[in-house]
Amino acid sequence: MLTLGASKPVYHSEQPFAQGELKQLFKNRNKARKLWQYTRHPQHKTDLNRLQNIIRRKVYQYRQQAWEDNISSLNAEDNSLWGIAKAFRKATPISTFEIIMRVQPPWRCCHTLAAWRQNTF
């Protein structure tokens, strides 16, 4: 699929896990959502919730399996193990907003946050 004014062709690919059973579940969920939005019937909402829960569990299982496969493929000899270990040891930066919320009482946070946003943006 090409878009006008695009420097490169844009190809839309499917998610790697959106094949087979999950793809059909996505279609069924979308149909159930459309039906519920049209009718607002409680049974249709129940069906939609059930499908969403099934999809959530299946996607979670897929991601867990992908993570386990990734972990089992790590090797100390090609430095892949050390790369993952380094990423986990690396400290995640704390945003200024989180620091403000931790240091000050809630009633002062509003004024400080407003001043910070005004200076930042």
PDB file of N, CA and C in Angstrom:
ATOM      1  N   MET A   1       0.848  -1.173   0.000  1.00  0.00           N
ATOM      2  CA  MET A   1       0.000   0.000   0.000  1.00  0.00           C
ATOM      3  C   MET A   1       0.890   1.231   0.000  1.00  0.00           C
ATOM      4  N   LEU A   2       0.701   2.102  -0.948  1.00  0.00           N
ATOM      5  CA  LEU A   2       1.462   3.335  -1.042  1.00  0.00           C
ATOM      6  C   LEU A   2       0.598   4.509  -0.618  1.00  0.00           C
ATOM      7  N   THR A   3       1.237   5.463   0.023  1.00  0.00           N
ATOM      8  CA  THR A   3       0.525   6.673   0.393  1.00  0.00           C
ATOM      9  C   THR A   3       1.101   7.829  -0.403  1.00  0.00           C
ATOM     10  N   LEU A   4       0.278   8.808  -0.713  1.00  0.00           N
ATOM     11  CA  LEU A   4       0.748   9.956  -1.466  1.00  0.00           C
ATOM     12  C   LEU A   4       1.731  10.748  -0.632  1.00  0.00           C
ATOM     13  N   GLY A   5       2.810  11.163  -1.259  1.00  0.00           N
ATOM     14  CA  GLY A   5       3.792  11.969  -0.566  1.00  0.00           C
ATOM     15  C   GLY A   5       4.728  11.176   0.317  1.00  0.00           C
ATOM     16  N   ALA A   6       4.616   9.883   0.310  1.00  0.00           N
ATOM     17  CA  ALA A   6       5.489   9.072   1.151  1.00  0.00           C
ATOM     18  C   ALA A   6       6.818   8.868   0.444  1.00  0.00           C
ATOM     19  N   SER A   7       7.887   8.920   1.190  1.00  0.00           N
ATOM     20  CA  SER A   7       9.201   8.715   0.602  1.00  0.00           C
ATOM     21  C   SER A   7       9.483   7.239   0.382  1.00  0.00           C
ATOM     22  N   LYS A   8       8.877   6.394   1.178  1.00  0.00           N
ATOM     23  CA  LYS A   8       9.056   4.952   1.046  1.00  0.00           C
ATOM     24  C   LYS A   8       7.692   4.286   1.052  1.00  0.00           C
ATOM     25  N   PRO A   9       7.586   3.140   0.419  1.00  0.00           N
ATOM     26  CA  PRO A   9       6.308   2.429   0.501  1.00  0.00           C
ATOM     27  C   PRO A   9       6.041   1.962   1.925  1.00  0.00           C
ATOM     28  N   VAL A  10       4.797   2.033   2.324  1.00  0.00           N
ATOM     29  CA  VAL A  10       4.396   1.613   3.658  1.00  0.00           C
ATOM     30  C   VAL A  10       3.678   0.279   3.526  1.00  0.00           C
ATOM     31  N   TYR A  11       4.202  -0.718   4.188  1.00  0.00           N
ATOM     32  CA  TYR A  11       3.598  -2.039   4.153  1.00  0.00           C
ATOM     33  C   TYR A  11       3.021  -2.339   5.521  1.00  0.00           C
ATOM     34  N   HIS A  12       1.757  -2.682   5.552  1.00  0.00           N
ATOM     35  CA  HIS A  12       1.104  -3.024   6.808  1.00  0.00           C
ATOM     36  C   HIS A  12       1.219  -4.525   7.009  1.00  0.00           C
ATOM     37  N   SER A  13       1.878  -4.888   8.064  1.00  0.00           N
ATOM     38  CA  SER A  13       2.019  -6.311   8.341  1.00  0.00           C
ATOM     39  C   SER A  13       1.201  -6.661   9.571  1.00  0.00           C
ATOM     40  N   GLU A  14       0.823  -7.900   9.650  1.00  0.00           N
ATOM     41  CA  GLU A  14       0.050  -8.369  10.788  1.00  0.00           C
ATOM     42  C   GLU A  14       0.966  -8.565  11.985  1.00  0.00           C
ATOM     43  N   GLN A  15       0.385  -8.490  13.152  1.00  0.00           N
ATOM     44  CA  GLN A  15       1.129  -8.823  14.353  1.00  0.00           C
ATOM     45  C   GLN A  15       1.540 -10.286  14.245  1.00  0.00           C
ATOM     46  N   PRO A  16       2.698 -10.661  14.765  1.00  0.00           N
ATOM     47  CA  PRO A  16       3.121 -12.051  14.624  1.00  0.00           C
ATOM     48  C   PRO A  16       2.179 -13.040  15.300  1.00  0.00           C
ATOM     49  N   PHE A  17       1.469 -12.595  16.337  1.00  0.00           N
ATOM     50  CA  PHE A  17       0.582 -13.510  17.041  1.00  0.00           C
ATOM     51  C   PHE A  17      -0.847 -13.449  16.511  1.00  0.00           C
ATOM     52  N   ALA A  18      -1.128 -12.556  15.560  1.00  0.00           N
ATOM     53  CA  ALA A  18      -2.496 -12.390  15.066  1.00  0.00           C
ATOM     54  C   ALA A  18      -2.760 -13.309  13.882  1.00  0.00           C
ATOM     55  N   GLN A  19      -2.511 -14.567  14.062  1.00  0.00           N
ATOM     56  CA  GLN A  19      -2.743 -15.520  12.996  1.00  0.00           C
ATOM     57  C   GLN A  19      -3.522 -16.692  13.562  1.00  0.00           C
ATOM     58  N   GLY A  20      -4.261 -17.328  12.696  1.00  0.00           N
ATOM     59  CA  GLY A  20      -4.989 -18.520  13.107  1.00  0.00           C
ATOM     60  C   GLY A  20      -6.097 -18.229  14.082  1.00  0.00           C
ATOM     61  N   GLU A  21      -6.012 -18.884  15.222  1.00  0.00           N
ATOM     62  CA  GLU A  21      -7.081 -18.817  16.216  1.00  0.00           C
ATOM     63  C   GLU A  21      -7.284 -17.400  16.752  1.00  0.00           C
ATOM     64  N   LEU A  22      -6.183 -16.693  17.031  1.00  0.00           N
ATOM     65  CA  LEU A  22      -6.312 -15.341  17.567  1.00  0.00           C
ATOM     66  C   LEU A  22      -6.942 -14.392  16.558  1.00  0.00           C
ATOM     67  N   LYS A  23      -6.584 -14.547  15.309  1.00  0.00           N
ATOM     68  CA  LYS A  23      -7.164 -13.681  14.284  1.00  0.00           C
ATOM     69  C   LYS A  23      -8.680 -13.857  14.240  1.00  0.00           C
ATOM     70  N   GLN A  24      -9.124 -15.086  14.340  1.00  0.00           N
ATOM     71  CA  GLN A  24     -10.564 -15.352  14.347  1.00  0.00           C
ATOM     72  C   GLN A  24     -11.212 -14.783  15.614  1.00  0.00           C
ATOM     73  N   LEU A  25     -10.514 -14.879  16.748  1.00  0.00           N
ATOM     74  CA  LEU A  25     -11.045 -14.304  17.985  1.00  0.00           C
ATOM     75  C   LEU A  25     -11.170 -12.786  17.871  1.00  0.00           C
ATOM     76  N   PHE A  26     -10.189 -12.141  17.232  1.00  0.00           N
ATOM     77  CA  PHE A  26     -10.263 -10.692  17.034  1.00  0.00           C
ATOM     78  C   PHE A  26     -11.486 -10.324  16.193  1.00  0.00           C
ATOM     79  N   LYS A  27     -11.719 -11.095  15.146  1.00  0.00           N
ATOM     80  CA  LYS A  27     -12.883 -10.826  14.294  1.00  0.00           C
ATOM     81  C   LYS A  27     -14.181 -11.007  15.072  1.00  0.00           C
ATOM     82  N   ASN A  28     -14.261 -12.090  15.838  1.00  0.00           N
ATOM     83  CA  ASN A  28     -15.469 -12.335  16.638  1.00  0.00           C
ATOM     84  C   ASN A  28     -15.675 -11.243  17.678  1.00  0.00           C
ATOM     85  N   ARG A  29     -14.583 -10.803  18.305  1.00  0.00           N
ATOM     86  CA  ARG A  29     -14.681  -9.738  19.301  1.00  0.00           C
ATOM     87  C   ARG A  29     -15.182  -8.445  18.660  1.00  0.00           C
ATOM     88  N   ASN A  30     -14.658  -8.122  17.477  1.00  0.00           N
ATOM     89  CA  ASN A  30     -15.090  -6.898  16.808  1.00  0.00           C
ATOM     90  C   ASN A  30     -16.568  -6.961  16.431  1.00  0.00           C
ATOM     91  N   LYS A  31     -17.017  -8.134  15.981  1.00  0.00           N
ATOM     92  CA  LYS A  31     -18.439  -8.297  15.657  1.00  0.00           C
ATOM     93  C   LYS A  31     -19.293  -8.177  16.917  1.00  0.00           C
ATOM     94  N   ALA A  32     -18.823  -8.780  18.005  1.00  0.00           N
ATOM     95  CA  ALA A  32     -19.567  -8.718  19.269  1.00  0.00           C
ATOM     96  C   ALA A  32     -19.626  -7.282  19.782  1.00  0.00           C
ATOM     97  N   ARG A  33     -18.537  -6.542  19.640  1.00  0.00           N
ATOM     98  CA  ARG A  33     -18.532  -5.153  20.086  1.00  0.00           C
ATOM     99  C   ARG A  33     -19.518  -4.325  19.260  1.00  0.00           C
ATOM    100  N   LYS A  34     -19.501  -4.533  17.958  1.00  0.00           N
ATOM    101  CA  LYS A  34     -20.411  -3.799  17.085  1.00  0.00           C
ATOM    102  C   LYS A  34     -21.868  -4.114  17.442  1.00  0.00           C
ATOM    103  N   LEU A  35     -22.153  -5.387  17.683  1.00  0.00           N
ATOM    104  CA  LEU A  35     -23.511  -5.792  18.046  1.00  0.00           C
ATOM    105  C   LEU A  35     -23.922  -5.166  19.371  1.00  0.00           C
ATOM    106  N   TRP A  36     -23.011  -5.182  20.353  1.00  0.00           N
ATOM    107  CA  TRP A  36     -23.337  -4.604  21.654  1.00  0.00           C
ATOM    108  C   TRP A  36     -23.536  -3.092  21.543  1.00  0.00           C
ATOM    109  N   GLN A  37     -22.703  -2.423  20.743  1.00  0.00           N
ATOM    110  CA  GLN A  37     -22.858  -0.980  20.585  1.00  0.00           C
ATOM    111  C   GLN A  37     -24.192  -0.639  19.926  1.00  0.00           C
ATOM    112  N   TYR A  38     -24.650  -1.528  19.076  1.00  0.00           N
ATOM    113  CA  TYR A  38     -25.914  -1.282  18.379  1.00  0.00           C
ATOM    114  C   TYR A  38     -27.116  -1.566  19.280  1.00  0.00           C
ATOM    115  N   THR A  39     -27.050  -2.655  20.048  1.00  0.00           N
ATOM    116  CA  THR A  39     -28.220  -3.079  20.826  1.00  0.00           C
ATOM    117  C   THR A  39     -28.166  -2.691  22.297  1.00  0.00           C
ATOM    118  N   ARG A  40     -26.977  -2.620  22.876  1.00  0.00           N
ATOM    119  CA  ARG A  40     -26.778  -2.376  24.319  1.00  0.00           C
ATOM    120  C   ARG A  40     -27.484  -3.427  25.178  1.00  0.00           C
ATOM    121  N   HIS A  41     -27.598  -4.618  24.646  1.00  0.00           N
ATOM    122  CA  HIS A  41     -28.237  -5.714  25.374  1.00  0.00           C
ATOM    123  C   HIS A  41     -27.219  -6.304  26.354  1.00  0.00           C
ATOM    124  N   PRO A  42     -27.599  -6.583  27.604  1.00  0.00           N
ATOM    125  CA  PRO A  42     -26.649  -7.107  28.594  1.00  0.00           C
ATOM    126  C   PRO A  42     -25.999  -8.429  28.179  1.00  0.00           C
ATOM    127  N   GLN A  43     -26.736  -9.286  27.506  1.00  0.00           N
ATOM    128  CA  GLN A  43     -26.153 -10.562  27.080  1.00  0.00           C
ATOM    129  C   GLN A  43     -25.058 -10.343  26.039  1.00  0.00           C
ATOM    130  N   HIS A  44     -25.241  -9.360  25.172  1.00  0.00           N
ATOM    131  CA  HIS A  44     -24.219  -9.059  24.170  1.00  0.00           C
ATOM    132  C   HIS A  44     -22.961  -8.511  24.844  1.00  0.00           C
ATOM    133  N   LYS A  45     -23.145  -7.724  25.893  1.00  0.00           N
ATOM    134  CA  LYS A  45     -21.996  -7.207  26.647  1.00  0.00           C
ATOM    135  C   LYS A  45     -21.257  -8.351  27.339  1.00  0.00           C
ATOM    136  N   THR A  46     -22.007  -9.316  27.858  1.00  0.00           N
ATOM    137  CA  THR A  46     -21.398 -10.485  28.496  1.00  0.00           C
ATOM    138  C   THR A  46     -20.571 -11.270  27.488  1.00  0.00           C
ATOM    139  N   ASP A  47     -21.115 -11.450  26.292  1.00  0.00           N
ATOM    140  CA  ASP A  47     -20.377 -12.156  25.242  1.00  0.00           C
ATOM    141  C   ASP A  47     -19.103 -11.402  24.866  1.00  0.00           C
ATOM    142  N   LEU A  48     -19.210 -10.085  24.758  1.00  0.00           N
ATOM    143  CA  LEU A  48     -18.043  -9.262  24.429  1.00  0.00           C
ATOM    144  C   LEU A  48     -16.977  -9.376  25.512  1.00  0.00           C
ATOM    145  N   ASN A  49     -17.378  -9.289  26.768  1.00  0.00           N
ATOM    146  CA  ASN A  49     -16.421  -9.405  27.876  1.00  0.00           C
ATOM    147  C   ASN A  49     -15.745 -10.772  27.884  1.00  0.00           C
ATOM    148  N   ARG A  50     -16.520 -11.812  27.609  1.00  0.00           N
ATOM    149  CA  ARG A  50     -15.951 -13.159  27.574  1.00  0.00           C
ATOM    150  C   ARG A  50     -14.886 -13.266  26.482  1.00  0.00           C
ATOM    151  N   LEU A  51     -15.193 -12.743  25.295  1.00  0.00           N
ATOM    152  CA  LEU A  51     -14.222 -12.791  24.197  1.00  0.00           C
ATOM    153  C   LEU A  51     -12.979 -11.966  24.520  1.00  0.00           C
ATOM    154  N   GLN A  52     -13.160 -10.805  25.127  1.00  0.00           N
ATOM    155  CA  GLN A  52     -12.013  -9.972  25.480  1.00  0.00           C
ATOM    156  C   GLN A  52     -11.119 -10.667  26.504  1.00  0.00           C
ATOM    157  N   ASN A  53     -11.726 -11.357  27.456  1.00  0.00           N
ATOM    158  CA  ASN A  53     -10.936 -12.087  28.449  1.00  0.00           C
ATOM    159  C   ASN A  53     -10.178 -13.244  27.818  1.00  0.00           C
ATOM    160  N   ILE A  54     -10.813 -13.943  26.890  1.00  0.00           N
ATOM    161  CA  ILE A  54     -10.131 -15.042  26.195  1.00  0.00           C
ATOM    162  C   ILE A  54      -8.938 -14.499  25.422  1.00  0.00           C
ATOM    163  N   ILE A  55      -9.141 -13.390  24.707  1.00  0.00           N
ATOM    164  CA  ILE A  55      -8.054 -12.792  23.925  1.00  0.00           C
ATOM    165  C   ILE A  55      -6.932 -12.341  24.845  1.00  0.00           C
ATOM    166  N   ARG A  56      -7.275 -11.708  25.956  1.00  0.00           N
ATOM    167  CA  ARG A  56      -6.256 -11.230  26.888  1.00  0.00           C
ATOM    168  C   ARG A  56      -5.397 -12.390  27.395  1.00  0.00           C
ATOM    169  N   ARG A  57      -6.047 -13.499  27.731  1.00  0.00           N
ATOM    170  CA  ARG A  57      -5.304 -14.665  28.226  1.00  0.00           C
ATOM    171  C   ARG A  57      -4.413 -15.265  27.144  1.00  0.00           C
ATOM    172  N   LYS A  58      -4.935 -15.365  25.915  1.00  0.00           N
ATOM    173  CA  LYS A  58      -4.158 -15.954  24.821  1.00  0.00           C
ATOM    174  C   LYS A  58      -2.946 -15.092  24.473  1.00  0.00           C
ATOM    175  N   VAL A  59      -3.131 -13.774  24.439  1.00  0.00           N
ATOM    176  CA  VAL A  59      -2.018 -12.870  24.142  1.00  0.00           C
ATOM    177  C   VAL A  59      -0.979 -12.951  25.255  1.00  0.00           C
ATOM    178  N   TYR A  60      -1.434 -13.026  26.509  1.00  0.00           N
ATOM    179  CA  TYR A  60      -0.508 -13.166  27.631  1.00  0.00           C
ATOM    180  C   TYR A  60       0.296 -14.454  27.501  1.00  0.00           C
ATOM    181  N   GLN A  61      -0.377 -15.557  27.169  1.00  0.00           N
ATOM    182  CA  GLN A  61       0.323 -16.831  26.993  1.00  0.00           C
ATOM    183  C   GLN A  61       1.339 -16.746  25.862  1.00  0.00           C
ATOM    184  N   TYR A  62       0.963 -16.087  24.763  1.00  0.00           N
ATOM    185  CA  TYR A  62       1.888 -15.943  23.640  1.00  0.00           C
ATOM    186  C   TYR A  62       3.121 -15.153  24.060  1.00  0.00           C
ATOM    187  N   ARG A  63       2.906 -14.036  24.752  1.00  0.00           N
ATOM    188  CA  ARG A  63       4.039 -13.200  25.170  1.00  0.00           C
ATOM    189  C   ARG A  63       4.929 -13.937  26.166  1.00  0.00           C
ATOM    190  N   GLN A  64       4.318 -14.688  27.075  1.00  0.00           N
ATOM    191  CA  GLN A  64       5.103 -15.483  28.020  1.00  0.00           C
ATOM    192  C   GLN A  64       5.958 -16.513  27.284  1.00  0.00           C
ATOM    193  N   GLN A  65       5.355 -17.179  26.307  1.00  0.00           N
ATOM    194  CA  GLN A  65       6.085 -18.187  25.544  1.00  0.00           C
ATOM    195  C   GLN A  65       7.223 -17.542  24.756  1.00  0.00           C
ATOM    196  N   ALA A  66       6.968 -16.370  24.164  1.00  0.00           N
ATOM    197  CA  ALA A  66       8.012 -15.667  23.417  1.00  0.00           C
ATOM    198  C   ALA A  66       9.152 -15.265  24.348  1.00  0.00           C
ATOM    199  N   TRP A  67       8.822 -14.808  25.559  1.00  0.00           N
ATOM    200  CA  TRP A  67       9.847 -14.421  26.526  1.00  0.00           C
ATOM    201  C   TRP A  67      10.656 -15.643  26.964  1.00  0.00           C
ATOM    202  N   GLU A  68       9.976 -16.755  27.234  1.00  0.00           N
ATOM    203  CA  GLU A  68      10.683 -17.973  27.630  1.00  0.00           C
ATOM    204  C   GLU A  68      11.596 -18.463  26.512  1.00  0.00           C
ATOM    205  N   ASP A  69      11.131 -18.372  25.268  1.00  0.00           N
ATOM    206  CA  ASP A  69      11.974 -18.759  24.136  1.00  0.00           C
ATOM    207  C   ASP A  69      13.191 -17.848  24.035  1.00  0.00           C
ATOM    208  N   ASN A  70      12.978 -16.560  24.272  1.00  0.00           N
ATOM    209  CA  ASN A  70      14.082 -15.604  24.224  1.00  0.00           C
ATOM    210  C   ASN A  70      15.102 -15.905  25.320  1.00  0.00           C
ATOM    211  N   ILE A  71      14.626 -16.160  26.522  1.00  0.00           N
ATOM    212  CA  ILE A  71      15.522 -16.461  27.645  1.00  0.00           C
ATOM    213  C   ILE A  71      16.285 -17.755  27.393  1.00  0.00           C
ATOM    214  N   SER A  72      15.604 -18.766  26.879  1.00  0.00           N
ATOM    215  CA  SER A  72      16.278 -20.051  26.660  1.00  0.00           C
ATOM    216  C   SER A  72      17.286 -19.983  25.517  1.00  0.00           C
ATOM    217  N   SER A  73      17.150 -18.997  24.628  1.00  0.00           N
ATOM    218  CA  SER A  73      18.089 -18.891  23.512  1.00  0.00           C
ATOM    219  C   SER A  73      19.324 -18.071  23.860  1.00  0.00           C
ATOM    220  N   LEU A  74      19.366 -17.474  25.051  1.00  0.00           N
ATOM    221  CA  LEU A  74      20.524 -16.658  25.433  1.00  0.00           C
ATOM    222  C   LEU A  74      21.751 -17.537  25.628  1.00  0.00           C
ATOM    223  N   ASN A  75      22.898 -16.958  25.282  1.00  0.00           N
ATOM    224  CA  ASN A  75      24.144 -17.706  25.349  1.00  0.00           C
ATOM    225  C   ASN A  75      25.236 -16.774  25.850  1.00  0.00           C
ATOM    226  N   ALA A  76      26.037 -17.227  26.792  1.00  0.00           N
ATOM    227  CA  ALA A  76      27.110 -16.401  27.337  1.00  0.00           C
ATOM    228  C   ALA A  76      28.241 -16.212  26.336  1.00  0.00           C
ATOM    229  N   GLU A  77      28.382 -17.122  25.402  1.00  0.00           N
ATOM    230  CA  GLU A  77      29.505 -17.046  24.469  1.00  0.00           C
ATOM    231  C   GLU A  77      29.322 -15.983  23.398  1.00  0.00           C
ATOM    232  N   ASP A  78      28.104 -15.691  22.996  1.00  0.00           N
ATOM    233  CA  ASP A  78      27.897 -14.657  21.973  1.00  0.00           C
ATOM    234  C   ASP A  78      27.418 -13.331  22.579  1.00  0.00           C
ATOM    235  N   ASN A  79      27.546 -13.176  23.882  1.00  0.00           N
ATOM    236  CA  ASN A  79      27.232 -11.951  24.633  1.00  0.00           C
ATOM    237  C   ASN A  79      25.752 -11.592  24.669  1.00  0.00           C
ATOM    238  N   SER A  80      24.873 -12.446  24.204  1.00  0.00           N
ATOM    239  CA  SER A  80      23.448 -12.127  24.270  1.00  0.00           C
ATOM    240  C   SER A  80      22.959 -12.149  25.718  1.00  0.00           C
ATOM    241  N   LEU A  81      23.502 -13.044  26.521  1.00  0.00           N
ATOM    242  CA  LEU A  81      23.124 -13.118  27.931  1.00  0.00           C
ATOM    243  C   LEU A  81      23.511 -11.836  28.659  1.00  0.00           C
ATOM    244  N   TRP A  82      24.699 -11.329  28.366  1.00  0.00           N
ATOM    245  CA  TRP A  82      25.178 -10.143  29.065  1.00  0.00           C
ATOM    246  C   TRP A  82      24.419  -8.898  28.621  1.00  0.00           C
ATOM    247  N   GLY A  83      23.969  -8.872  27.393  1.00  0.00           N
ATOM    248  CA  GLY A  83      23.178  -7.731  26.921  1.00  0.00           C
ATOM    249  C   GLY A  83      21.853  -7.620  27.661  1.00  0.00           C
ATOM    250  N   ILE A  84      21.196  -8.749  27.863  1.00  0.00           N
ATOM    251  CA  ILE A  84      19.927  -8.755  28.611  1.00  0.00           C
ATOM    252  C   ILE A  84      20.179  -8.406  30.076  1.00  0.00           C
ATOM    253  N   ALA A  85      21.239  -8.959  30.651  1.00  0.00           N
ATOM    254  CA  ALA A  85      21.557  -8.670  32.053  1.00  0.00           C
ATOM    255  C   ALA A  85      21.845  -7.185  32.239  1.00  0.00           C
ATOM    256  N   LYS A  86      22.534  -6.588  31.282  1.00  0.00           N
ATOM    257  CA  LYS A  86      22.844  -5.159  31.366  1.00  0.00           C
ATOM    258  C   LYS A  86      21.566  -4.327  31.312  1.00  0.00           C
ATOM    259  N   ALA A  87      20.648  -4.722  30.450  1.00  0.00           N
ATOM    260  CA  ALA A  87      19.390  -3.983  30.339  1.00  0.00           C
ATOM    261  C   ALA A  87      18.603  -4.040  31.647  1.00  0.00           C
ATOM    262  N   PHE A  88      18.651  -5.175  32.343  1.00  0.00           N
ATOM    263  CA  PHE A  88      17.934  -5.286  33.611  1.00  0.00           C
ATOM    264  C   PHE A  88      18.630  -4.533  34.737  1.00  0.00           C
ATOM    265  N   ARG A  89      19.941  -4.442  34.681  1.00  0.00           N
ATOM    266  CA  ARG A  89      20.672  -3.721  35.719  1.00  0.00           C
ATOM    267  C   ARG A  89      20.573  -2.215  35.552  1.00  0.00           C
ATOM    268  N   LYS A  90      20.312  -1.777  34.337  1.00  0.00           N
ATOM    269  CA  LYS A  90      20.276  -0.351  34.054  1.00  0.00           C
ATOM    270  C   LYS A  90      19.115   0.294  34.813  1.00  0.00           C
ATOM    271  N   ALA A  91      19.399   1.380  35.492  1.00  0.00           N
ATOM    272  CA  ALA A  91      18.364   2.072  36.264  1.00  0.00           C
ATOM    273  C   ALA A  91      17.457   2.848  35.320  1.00  0.00           C
ATOM    274  N   THR A  92      16.164   2.742  35.533  1.00  0.00           N
ATOM    275  CA  THR A  92      15.230   3.508  34.719  1.00  0.00           C
ATOM    276  C   THR A  92      15.143   4.920  35.278  1.00  0.00           C
ATOM    277  N   PRO A  93      15.164   5.918  34.421  1.00  0.00           N
ATOM    278  CA  PRO A  93      15.125   7.295  34.917  1.00  0.00           C
ATOM    279  C   PRO A  93      13.768   7.620  35.533  1.00  0.00           C
ATOM    280  N   ILE A  94      13.802   8.400  36.595  1.00  0.00           N
ATOM    281  CA  ILE A  94      12.583   8.829  37.267  1.00  0.00           C
ATOM    282  C   ILE A  94      12.218  10.202  36.724  1.00  0.00           C
ATOM    283  N   SER A  95      10.987  10.368  36.329  1.00  0.00           N
ATOM    284  CA  SER A  95      10.564  11.644  35.760  1.00  0.00           C
ATOM    285  C   SER A  95      10.473  12.707  36.849  1.00  0.00           C
ATOM    286  N   THR A  96      10.531  13.956  36.423  1.00  0.00           N
ATOM    287  CA  THR A  96      10.438  15.068  37.359  1.00  0.00           C
ATOM    288  C   THR A  96       9.097  15.063  38.072  1.00  0.00           C
ATOM    289  N   PHE A  97       8.058  14.672  37.368  1.00  0.00           N
ATOM    290  CA  PHE A  97       6.725  14.624  37.967  1.00  0.00           C
ATOM    291  C   PHE A  97       6.695  13.657  39.146  1.00  0.00           C
ATOM    292  N   GLU A  98       7.314  12.482  38.991  1.00  0.00           N
ATOM    293  CA  GLU A  98       7.332  11.508  40.086  1.00  0.00           C
ATOM    294  C   GLU A  98       8.100  12.048  41.281  1.00  0.00           C
ATOM    295  N   ILE A  99       9.180  12.766  41.031  1.00  0.00           N
ATOM    296  CA  ILE A  99       9.961  13.348  42.128  1.00  0.00           C
ATOM    297  C   ILE A  99       9.115  14.377  42.870  1.00  0.00           C
ATOM    298  N   ILE A 100       8.413  15.212  42.120  1.00  0.00           N
ATOM    299  CA  ILE A 100       7.562  16.233  42.738  1.00  0.00           C
ATOM    300  C   ILE A 100       6.499  15.581  43.605  1.00  0.00           C
ATOM    301  N   MET A 101       5.875  14.522  43.104  1.00  0.00           N
ATOM    302  CA  MET A 101       4.804  13.864  43.845  1.00  0.00           C
ATOM    303  C   MET A 101       5.321  13.174  45.106  1.00  0.00           C
ATOM    304  N   ARG A 102       6.560  12.708  45.092  1.00  0.00           N
ATOM    305  CA  ARG A 102       7.103  12.015  46.269  1.00  0.00           C
ATOM    306  C   ARG A 102       7.563  12.981  47.347  1.00  0.00           C
ATOM    307  N   VAL A 103       8.100  14.123  46.948  1.00  0.00           N
ATOM    308  CA  VAL A 103       8.735  15.029  47.896  1.00  0.00           C
ATOM    309  C   VAL A 103       7.723  15.919  48.607  1.00  0.00           C
ATOM    310  N   GLN A 104       6.733  16.399  47.891  1.00  0.00           N
ATOM    311  CA  GLN A 104       5.836  17.397  48.452  1.00  0.00           C
ATOM    312  C   GLN A 104       4.495  16.796  48.854  1.00  0.00           C
ATOM    313  N   PRO A 105       3.836  17.446  49.802  1.00  0.00           N
ATOM    314  CA  PRO A 105       2.480  17.002  50.151  1.00  0.00           C
ATOM    315  C   PRO A 105       1.528  17.291  48.987  1.00  0.00           C
ATOM    316  N   PRO A 106       0.428  16.568  48.916  1.00  0.00           N
ATOM    317  CA  PRO A 106      -0.483  16.697  47.771  1.00  0.00           C
ATOM    318  C   PRO A 106      -1.007  18.108  47.525  1.00  0.00           C
ATOM    319  N   TRP A 107      -1.249  18.879  48.581  1.00  0.00           N
ATOM    320  CA  TRP A 107      -1.825  20.205  48.390  1.00  0.00           C
ATOM    321  C   TRP A 107      -0.847  21.165  47.745  1.00  0.00           C
ATOM    322  N   ARG A 108       0.469  20.888  47.836  1.00  0.00           N
ATOM    323  CA  ARG A 108       1.454  21.760  47.196  1.00  0.00           C
ATOM    324  C   ARG A 108       1.821  21.274  45.808  1.00  0.00           C
ATOM    325  N   CYS A 109       1.483  20.032  45.511  1.00  0.00           N
ATOM    326  CA  CYS A 109       1.852  19.463  44.215  1.00  0.00           C
ATOM    327  C   CYS A 109       1.187  20.198  43.067  1.00  0.00           C
ATOM    328  N   CYS A 110      -0.044  20.619  43.247  1.00  0.00           N
ATOM    329  CA  CYS A 110      -0.772  21.277  42.160  1.00  0.00           C
ATOM    330  C   CYS A 110      -0.056  22.544  41.714  1.00  0.00           C
ATOM    331  N   HIS A 111       0.360  23.366  42.676  1.00  0.00           N
ATOM    332  CA  HIS A 111       1.028  24.619  42.334  1.00  0.00           C
ATOM    333  C   HIS A 111       2.400  24.349  41.717  1.00  0.00           C
ATOM    334  N   THR A 112       3.129  23.418  42.289  1.00  0.00           N
ATOM    335  CA  THR A 112       4.455  23.095  41.773  1.00  0.00           C
ATOM    336  C   THR A 112       4.362  22.489  40.386  1.00  0.00           C
ATOM    337  N   LEU A 113       3.404  21.598  40.193  1.00  0.00           N
ATOM    338  CA  LEU A 113       3.230  20.964  38.892  1.00  0.00           C
ATOM    339  C   LEU A 113       2.830  21.990  37.838  1.00  0.00           C
ATOM    340  N   ALA A 114       1.954  22.915  38.201  1.00  0.00           N
ATOM    341  CA  ALA A 114       1.542  23.957  37.252  1.00  0.00           C
ATOM    342  C   ALA A 114       2.732  24.824  36.861  1.00  0.00           C
ATOM    343  N   ALA A 115       3.553  25.196  37.830  1.00  0.00           N
ATOM    344  CA  ALA A 115       4.737  26.006  37.530  1.00  0.00           C
ATOM    345  C   ALA A 115       5.733  25.231  36.678  1.00  0.00           C
ATOM    346  N   TRP A 116       5.913  23.958  36.986  1.00  0.00           N
ATOM    347  CA  TRP A 116       6.841  23.128  36.205  1.00  0.00           C
ATOM    348  C   TRP A 116       6.373  22.996  34.768  1.00  0.00           C
ATOM    349  N   ARG A 117       5.076  22.749  34.575  1.00  0.00           N
ATOM    350  CA  ARG A 117       4.533  22.615  33.212  1.00  0.00           C
ATOM    351  C   ARG A 117       4.657  23.923  32.445  1.00  0.00           C
ATOM    352  N   GLN A 118       4.464  25.038  33.132  1.00  0.00           N
ATOM    353  CA  GLN A 118       4.559  26.331  32.468  1.00  0.00           C
ATOM    354  C   GLN A 118       5.992  26.589  32.004  1.00  0.00           C
ATOM    355  N   ASN A 119       6.961  26.202  32.812  1.00  0.00           N
ATOM    356  CA  ASN A 119       8.363  26.391  32.436  1.00  0.00           C
ATOM    357  C   ASN A 119       8.808  25.393  31.379  1.00  0.00           C
ATOM    358  N   THR A 120       8.248  24.190  31.419  1.00  0.00           N
ATOM    359  CA  THR A 120       8.669  23.141  30.493  1.00  0.00           C
ATOM    360  C   THR A 120       8.067  23.343  29.119  1.00  0.00           C
ATOM    361  N   PHE A 121       6.785  23.638  29.072  1.00  0.00           N
ATOM    362  CA  PHE A 121       6.107  23.750  27.778  1.00  0.00           C
ATOM    363  C   PHE A 121       5.920  25.181  27.485  1.00  0.00           C
TER     364      PHE A 121
END
